[in-house]
């Protein structure tokens, strides 16, 4: 017999939770810090010494001697996923009324599905905020792999700034692995895409007017991708008027991202450890309205980690 759990996972709602995306915004967290499955909430990841991959031992072998021996080591680090989730409540009267209208052919509205979509959107947005906070934190980059622009050097100054020099210095400024990804917010991209130097370079010195695409900038710089965070978040405290602001600020990160890297092998600036998949389900709650109701929950077990600080370069205050 199945155990009597207070929270029952519903496979239909879980499918909605996994597949839902808000078309009004573009969330890039999963591409910036790719998800890596781990077998349990507590997990380990390995850090390999830098010298072992670049120190060349004597490989010459005498006719009667044994080859020199080498030994590879790693530092095992402990971590664990955190639980993130939100609840929504649905009165039984709402559920019954929606069922009645669907049966009469008057509506196809399902309050459970709608609540799942809304809560999932907020869980995703919260993750976007967390990842943006990590990527935009200068402390998460190694010494010498960050720069702060100001005044005429900021890329919003179309007359004096030199975006190609700045971006190439960042891309080439990572250790060993050349950065393959630029990450920025929409406020940065809006300025960068129409910078005369970039437009002129992409258009073959024919014009410095107009705009370029993300794909054209990636091709110009010979990198894999340009990721632009477009999402908004309400920065006002509860009870205050809504104040929308961009999740991603006025900075640029040049990162080496390997989506195939795991907690056991590979090099990547960072990743997201994920235990299981996002879940959704309901539990009965007798304290909702006169007839009781259902408490709907969506959540996930994840941990965002920066594991190779030298594989990133941070351009702070890229635009004014």
Protein backbone atom coordinates (compact mmCIF):
# COMPACT_ATOMS: atom_id res chain seq x y z
CA UNK A 1 0.00 0.00 0.00
CA UNK A 2 1.28 3.44 -0.88
CA UNK A 3 2.24 5.52 2.17
CA UNK A 4 -0.23 8.16 3.31
CA UNK A 5 1.77 11.30 2.56
CA UNK A 6 0.56 14.81 3.43
CA UNK A 7 1.92 16.04 0.10
CA UNK A 8 0.95 13.97 -2.93
CA UNK A 9 2.94 14.49 -6.11
CA UNK A 10 0.64 14.73 -9.11
CA UNK A 11 2.35 13.63 -12.37
CA UNK A 12 0.13 15.86 -14.50
CA UNK A 13 0.95 18.94 -12.44
CA UNK A 14 4.61 17.98 -12.31
CA UNK A 15 4.69 17.89 -16.10
CA UNK A 16 3.31 21.42 -16.19
CA UNK A 17 5.86 22.54 -13.62
CA UNK A 18 8.77 21.14 -15.60
CA UNK A 19 7.61 22.39 -18.98
CA UNK A 20 6.24 25.83 -18.16
CA UNK A 21 8.02 28.96 -19.37
CA UNK A 22 6.86 32.55 -19.27
CA UNK A 23 6.81 33.97 -22.81
CA UNK A 24 6.96 37.53 -21.49
CA UNK A 25 10.56 37.20 -20.32
CA UNK A 26 13.70 35.34 -21.24
CA UNK A 27 15.27 33.42 -18.39
CA UNK A 28 18.89 32.39 -18.92
CA UNK A 29 19.86 30.84 -15.55
CA UNK A 30 19.79 27.27 -16.88
CA UNK A 31 22.19 28.21 -19.69
CA UNK A 32 24.53 30.25 -17.51
CA UNK A 33 24.82 27.63 -14.73
CA UNK A 34 23.68 24.40 -16.42
CA UNK A 35 21.90 21.80 -14.30
CA UNK A 36 23.91 18.72 -13.32
CA UNK A 37 22.02 15.78 -11.77
CA UNK A 38 23.36 14.56 -8.43
CA UNK A 39 22.31 11.35 -6.73
CA UNK A 40 21.37 12.80 -3.35
CA UNK A 41 20.80 16.06 -1.54
CA UNK A 42 24.31 15.84 -0.08
CA UNK A 43 26.96 15.48 -2.77
CA UNK A 44 30.66 15.96 -3.41
CA UNK A 45 32.53 17.72 -6.19
CA UNK A 46 36.18 17.51 -7.14
CA UNK A 47 38.74 20.30 -7.55
CA UNK A 48 41.89 19.31 -9.42
CA UNK A 49 45.27 21.01 -8.79
CA UNK A 50 46.28 23.38 -11.59
CA UNK A 51 49.93 22.26 -11.72
CA UNK A 52 49.20 18.61 -12.46
CA UNK A 53 47.84 19.32 -15.92
CA UNK A 54 50.73 21.53 -17.04
CA UNK A 55 53.90 20.31 -15.30
CA UNK A 56 55.89 18.14 -17.71
CA UNK A 57 57.87 15.34 -16.02
CA UNK A 58 60.84 13.59 -17.58
CA UNK A 59 59.31 11.06 -19.97
CA UNK A 60 62.54 9.50 -21.19
CA UNK A 61 62.84 5.80 -20.31
CA UNK A 62 66.17 4.00 -20.12
CA UNK A 63 66.64 0.60 -21.78
CA UNK A 64 66.54 -1.23 -18.43
CA UNK A 65 64.77 1.31 -16.23
CA UNK A 66 61.14 1.96 -15.35
CA UNK A 67 59.23 5.02 -16.57
CA UNK A 68 58.87 7.84 -14.10
CA UNK A 69 55.66 7.72 -12.11
CA UNK A 70 53.11 10.45 -11.81
CA UNK A 71 50.18 10.70 -9.45
CA UNK A 72 46.98 12.64 -9.99
CA UNK A 73 45.12 14.04 -7.02
CA UNK A 74 41.94 15.96 -6.35
CA UNK A 75 40.43 17.85 -3.45
CA UNK A 76 37.01 16.51 -2.55
CA UNK A 77 34.56 19.22 -1.51
CA UNK A 78 31.23 18.72 0.19
CA UNK A 79 28.02 20.51 -0.65
CA UNK A 80 24.29 19.94 -0.54
CA UNK A 81 21.26 21.12 -2.43
CA UNK A 82 18.84 23.64 -0.97
CA UNK A 83 15.06 23.34 -1.11
CA UNK A 84 13.20 26.08 -2.96
CA UNK A 85 9.45 26.15 -3.34
CA UNK A 86 6.21 28.09 -3.00
CA UNK A 87 2.61 27.28 -2.10
CA UNK A 88 -0.68 28.57 -3.48
CA UNK A 89 -4.11 27.84 -2.00
CA UNK A 90 -7.24 26.96 -3.98
CA UNK A 91 -10.63 26.94 -2.22
CA UNK A 92 -12.83 23.91 -2.89
CA UNK A 93 -15.58 26.26 -4.07
CA UNK A 94 -13.27 27.51 -6.87
CA UNK A 95 -12.45 23.95 -7.92
CA UNK A 96 -16.13 22.94 -8.00
CA UNK A 97 -17.19 26.01 -9.95
CA UNK A 98 -14.44 25.48 -12.53
CA UNK A 99 -15.50 21.82 -12.89
CA UNK A 100 -19.13 22.87 -13.35
CA UNK A 101 -18.26 25.36 -16.09
CA UNK A 102 -16.01 22.88 -17.90
CA UNK A 103 -18.77 20.24 -17.79
CA UNK A 104 -21.21 22.77 -19.26
CA UNK A 105 -18.74 23.67 -22.03
CA UNK A 106 -18.54 27.25 -20.79
CA UNK A 107 -14.84 27.26 -19.95
CA UNK A 108 -11.69 25.18 -19.98
CA UNK A 109 -10.20 26.93 -16.94
CA UNK A 110 -8.47 24.67 -14.41
CA UNK A 111 -7.48 26.47 -11.18
CA UNK A 112 -4.94 23.76 -10.30
CA UNK A 113 -3.12 24.08 -13.62
CA UNK A 114 -3.23 27.87 -13.50
CA UNK A 115 -1.83 27.91 -9.97
CA UNK A 116 0.92 25.50 -11.02
CA UNK A 117 1.90 27.76 -13.89
CA UNK A 118 1.95 30.87 -11.75
CA UNK A 119 3.91 29.34 -8.89
CA UNK A 120 6.38 27.71 -11.30
CA UNK A 121 7.02 31.09 -12.90
CA UNK A 122 7.89 32.58 -9.51
CA UNK A 123 10.17 29.64 -8.60
CA UNK A 124 11.99 30.11 -11.91
CA UNK A 125 12.24 33.86 -11.41
CA UNK A 126 13.70 33.36 -7.93
CA UNK A 127 16.37 31.10 -9.44
CA UNK A 128 17.12 33.73 -12.10
CA UNK A 129 17.69 36.29 -9.34
CA UNK A 130 20.01 33.93 -7.46
CA UNK A 131 22.10 33.16 -10.54
CA UNK A 132 22.32 36.81 -11.57
CA UNK A 133 23.53 37.61 -8.05
CA UNK A 134 26.31 35.03 -8.33
CA UNK A 135 27.41 36.05 -11.84
CA UNK A 136 27.33 39.77 -10.94
CA UNK A 137 29.38 39.32 -7.77
CA UNK A 138 32.98 40.40 -8.36
CA UNK A 139 34.10 38.20 -5.45
CA UNK A 140 33.29 35.14 -7.57
CA UNK A 141 36.13 35.94 -9.98
CA UNK A 142 39.85 35.38 -9.45
CA UNK A 143 42.22 38.25 -8.76
CA UNK A 144 43.26 39.89 -12.01
CA UNK A 145 40.23 38.58 -13.90
CA UNK A 146 37.97 41.58 -13.44
CA UNK A 147 37.86 45.21 -14.44
CA UNK A 148 35.63 48.15 -13.55
CA UNK A 149 34.76 50.64 -16.27
CA UNK A 150 33.94 54.26 -15.58
CA UNK A 151 33.38 57.49 -17.47
CA UNK A 152 34.69 57.46 -21.04
CA UNK A 153 35.68 53.79 -20.88
CA UNK A 154 32.09 52.61 -20.35
CA UNK A 155 30.68 51.03 -23.49
CA UNK A 156 27.72 53.41 -23.53
CA UNK A 157 30.16 56.16 -24.56
CA UNK A 158 30.06 55.69 -28.31
CA UNK A 159 32.81 58.27 -28.93
CA UNK A 160 35.58 57.19 -26.59
CA UNK A 161 35.03 53.55 -25.60
CA UNK A 162 36.58 50.61 -27.44
CA UNK A 163 34.21 47.64 -27.01
CA UNK A 164 36.14 45.20 -29.17
CA UNK A 165 39.32 45.69 -27.13
CA UNK A 166 37.41 45.41 -23.84
CA UNK A 167 35.49 42.29 -24.83
CA UNK A 168 38.48 40.50 -26.36
CA UNK A 169 40.58 41.27 -23.27
CA UNK A 170 37.87 39.65 -21.14
CA UNK A 171 37.47 36.63 -23.40
CA UNK A 172 41.23 36.09 -23.56
CA UNK A 173 41.64 36.94 -19.88
CA UNK A 174 40.40 33.62 -18.50
CA UNK A 175 42.86 30.92 -17.49
CA UNK A 176 43.62 28.11 -19.98
CA UNK A 177 40.05 27.86 -21.27
CA UNK A 178 39.16 30.82 -23.48
CA UNK A 179 35.74 32.18 -22.54
CA UNK A 180 33.06 30.90 -24.91
CA UNK A 181 30.08 32.85 -23.56
CA UNK A 182 29.21 36.47 -22.83
CA UNK A 183 26.48 37.07 -20.25
CA UNK A 184 24.81 40.45 -19.86
CA UNK A 185 21.54 42.13 -19.07
CA UNK A 186 19.21 43.75 -21.57
CA UNK A 187 20.29 47.25 -20.47
CA UNK A 188 23.86 46.42 -21.53
CA UNK A 189 22.85 44.72 -24.76
CA UNK A 190 20.63 47.64 -25.78
CA UNK A 191 23.73 49.88 -25.74
CA UNK A 192 26.20 47.36 -27.08
CA UNK A 193 24.21 46.24 -30.13
CA UNK A 194 24.23 49.73 -31.63
CA UNK A 195 27.80 50.72 -30.71
CA UNK A 196 29.31 52.22 -33.91
CA UNK A 197 32.57 50.26 -33.54
CA UNK A 198 30.74 46.94 -33.41
CA UNK A 199 28.29 47.79 -36.17
CA UNK A 200 31.17 48.90 -38.39
CA UNK A 201 33.18 45.74 -37.69
CA UNK A 202 30.24 43.42 -38.35
CA UNK A 203 29.14 45.30 -41.48
CA UNK A 204 32.59 45.14 -43.05
CA UNK A 205 33.48 48.81 -42.59
CA UNK A 206 30.49 49.83 -44.71
CA UNK A 207 28.52 51.65 -42.03
CA UNK A 208 28.53 52.38 -38.32
CA UNK A 209 24.80 52.89 -38.08
CA UNK A 210 22.15 50.34 -37.18
CA UNK A 211 22.25 47.36 -34.85
CA UNK A 212 23.81 43.92 -34.74
CA UNK A 213 22.44 40.60 -33.53
CA UNK A 214 23.72 38.43 -30.71
CA UNK A 215 24.78 35.82 -33.24
CA UNK A 216 26.78 38.41 -35.21
CA UNK A 217 28.61 39.57 -32.08
CA UNK A 218 29.41 35.96 -31.16
CA UNK A 219 30.79 35.34 -34.65
CA UNK A 220 32.85 38.54 -34.57
CA UNK A 221 34.45 37.57 -31.25
CA UNK A 222 34.69 33.87 -32.16
CA UNK A 223 32.74 32.65 -29.15
CA UNK A 224 29.86 30.22 -28.81
CA UNK A 225 27.05 32.45 -27.56
CA UNK A 226 25.88 35.77 -26.20
CA UNK A 227 23.28 35.36 -23.45
CA UNK A 228 21.06 38.31 -22.57
CA UNK A 229 18.89 38.31 -19.47
CA UNK A 230 15.66 40.17 -20.18
CA UNK A 231 13.58 39.38 -17.10
CA UNK A 232 12.09 41.85 -14.66
CA UNK A 233 11.54 41.51 -10.92
CA UNK A 234 9.45 43.53 -8.50
CA UNK A 235 11.96 45.24 -6.18
CA UNK A 236 9.35 46.85 -3.91
CA UNK A 237 8.69 45.51 -0.44
CA UNK A 238 5.40 43.76 0.26
CA UNK A 239 2.55 46.25 0.54
CA UNK A 240 4.32 48.94 -1.51
CA UNK A 241 3.53 49.94 -5.09
CA UNK A 242 5.07 47.72 -7.75
CA UNK A 243 8.57 48.76 -8.82
CA UNK A 244 9.88 46.65 -11.67
CA UNK A 245 13.60 46.42 -12.31
CA UNK A 246 15.86 44.27 -14.43
CA UNK A 247 17.13 41.07 -12.83
CA UNK A 248 20.47 41.37 -14.66
CA UNK A 249 22.43 44.57 -14.06
CA UNK A 250 24.81 46.72 -16.09
CA UNK A 251 27.72 44.28 -16.16
CA UNK A 252 29.22 41.72 -18.55
CA UNK A 253 30.63 38.31 -17.65
CA UNK A 254 32.91 36.40 -20.01
CA UNK A 255 32.66 32.75 -19.00
CA UNK A 256 33.87 29.36 -20.10
CA UNK A 257 30.78 27.17 -19.83
CA UNK A 258 30.86 23.45 -20.52
CA UNK A 259 27.30 22.06 -20.36
CA UNK A 260 28.75 18.53 -20.39
CA UNK A 261 30.80 19.09 -17.21
CA UNK A 262 29.66 17.28 -14.06
CA UNK A 263 30.50 17.38 -10.37
CA UNK A 264 33.11 14.66 -11.10
CA UNK A 265 34.84 15.77 -14.29
CA UNK A 266 35.24 18.62 -16.72
CA UNK A 267 35.97 22.34 -16.31
CA UNK A 268 33.26 24.97 -16.25
CA UNK A 269 32.88 28.31 -14.49
CA UNK A 270 29.92 27.00 -12.54
CA UNK A 271 27.00 24.62 -12.53
CA UNK A 272 23.75 23.89 -10.75
CA UNK A 273 23.54 20.65 -8.79
CA UNK A 274 20.01 19.27 -9.10
CA UNK A 275 18.62 16.45 -6.96
CA UNK A 276 15.66 14.99 -8.81
CA UNK A 277 13.38 17.14 -10.93
CA UNK A 278 11.04 19.98 -10.14
CA UNK A 279 7.91 18.69 -8.41
CA UNK A 280 4.33 19.87 -8.06
CA UNK A 281 1.38 18.50 -6.18
CA UNK A 282 -1.45 19.22 -3.77
CA UNK A 283 -2.51 18.48 -0.20
CA UNK A 284 -5.86 18.99 1.45
CA UNK A 285 -6.18 22.01 3.74
CA UNK A 286 -9.29 22.34 5.89
CA UNK A 287 -8.49 25.93 6.86
CA UNK A 288 -9.09 27.37 3.38
CA UNK A 289 -12.54 28.96 3.13
CA UNK A 290 -15.76 27.43 4.40
CA UNK A 291 -15.40 24.13 2.54
CA UNK A 292 -11.67 23.74 2.85
CA UNK A 293 -9.44 23.55 -0.18
CA UNK A 294 -6.14 22.42 -1.61
CA UNK A 295 -2.67 23.71 -0.99
CA UNK A 296 -0.61 23.48 -4.19
CA UNK A 297 3.18 23.34 -3.96
CA UNK A 298 5.91 23.65 -6.59
CA UNK A 299 9.56 23.25 -5.71
CA UNK A 300 12.99 21.86 -6.50
CA UNK A 301 16.23 20.82 -4.81
CA UNK A 302 19.16 22.71 -6.36
CA UNK A 303 22.47 24.34 -5.49
CA UNK A 304 24.14 26.94 -7.70
CA UNK A 305 27.94 26.72 -7.47
CA UNK A 306 30.88 28.70 -8.85
CA UNK A 307 33.63 26.07 -9.10
CA UNK A 308 36.31 27.56 -11.40
CA UNK A 309 36.78 31.28 -10.73
CA UNK A 310 39.68 31.46 -13.18
CA UNK A 311 37.35 30.39 -16.01
CA UNK A 312 35.50 33.71 -15.85
CA UNK A 313 36.21 37.41 -16.32
CA UNK A 314 34.00 40.20 -14.97
CA UNK A 315 33.42 43.61 -16.54
CA UNK A 316 31.77 45.70 -13.84
CA UNK A 317 29.69 48.76 -14.80
CA UNK A 318 30.03 48.00 -18.49
CA UNK A 319 27.57 50.79 -19.32
CA UNK A 320 26.47 53.90 -17.48
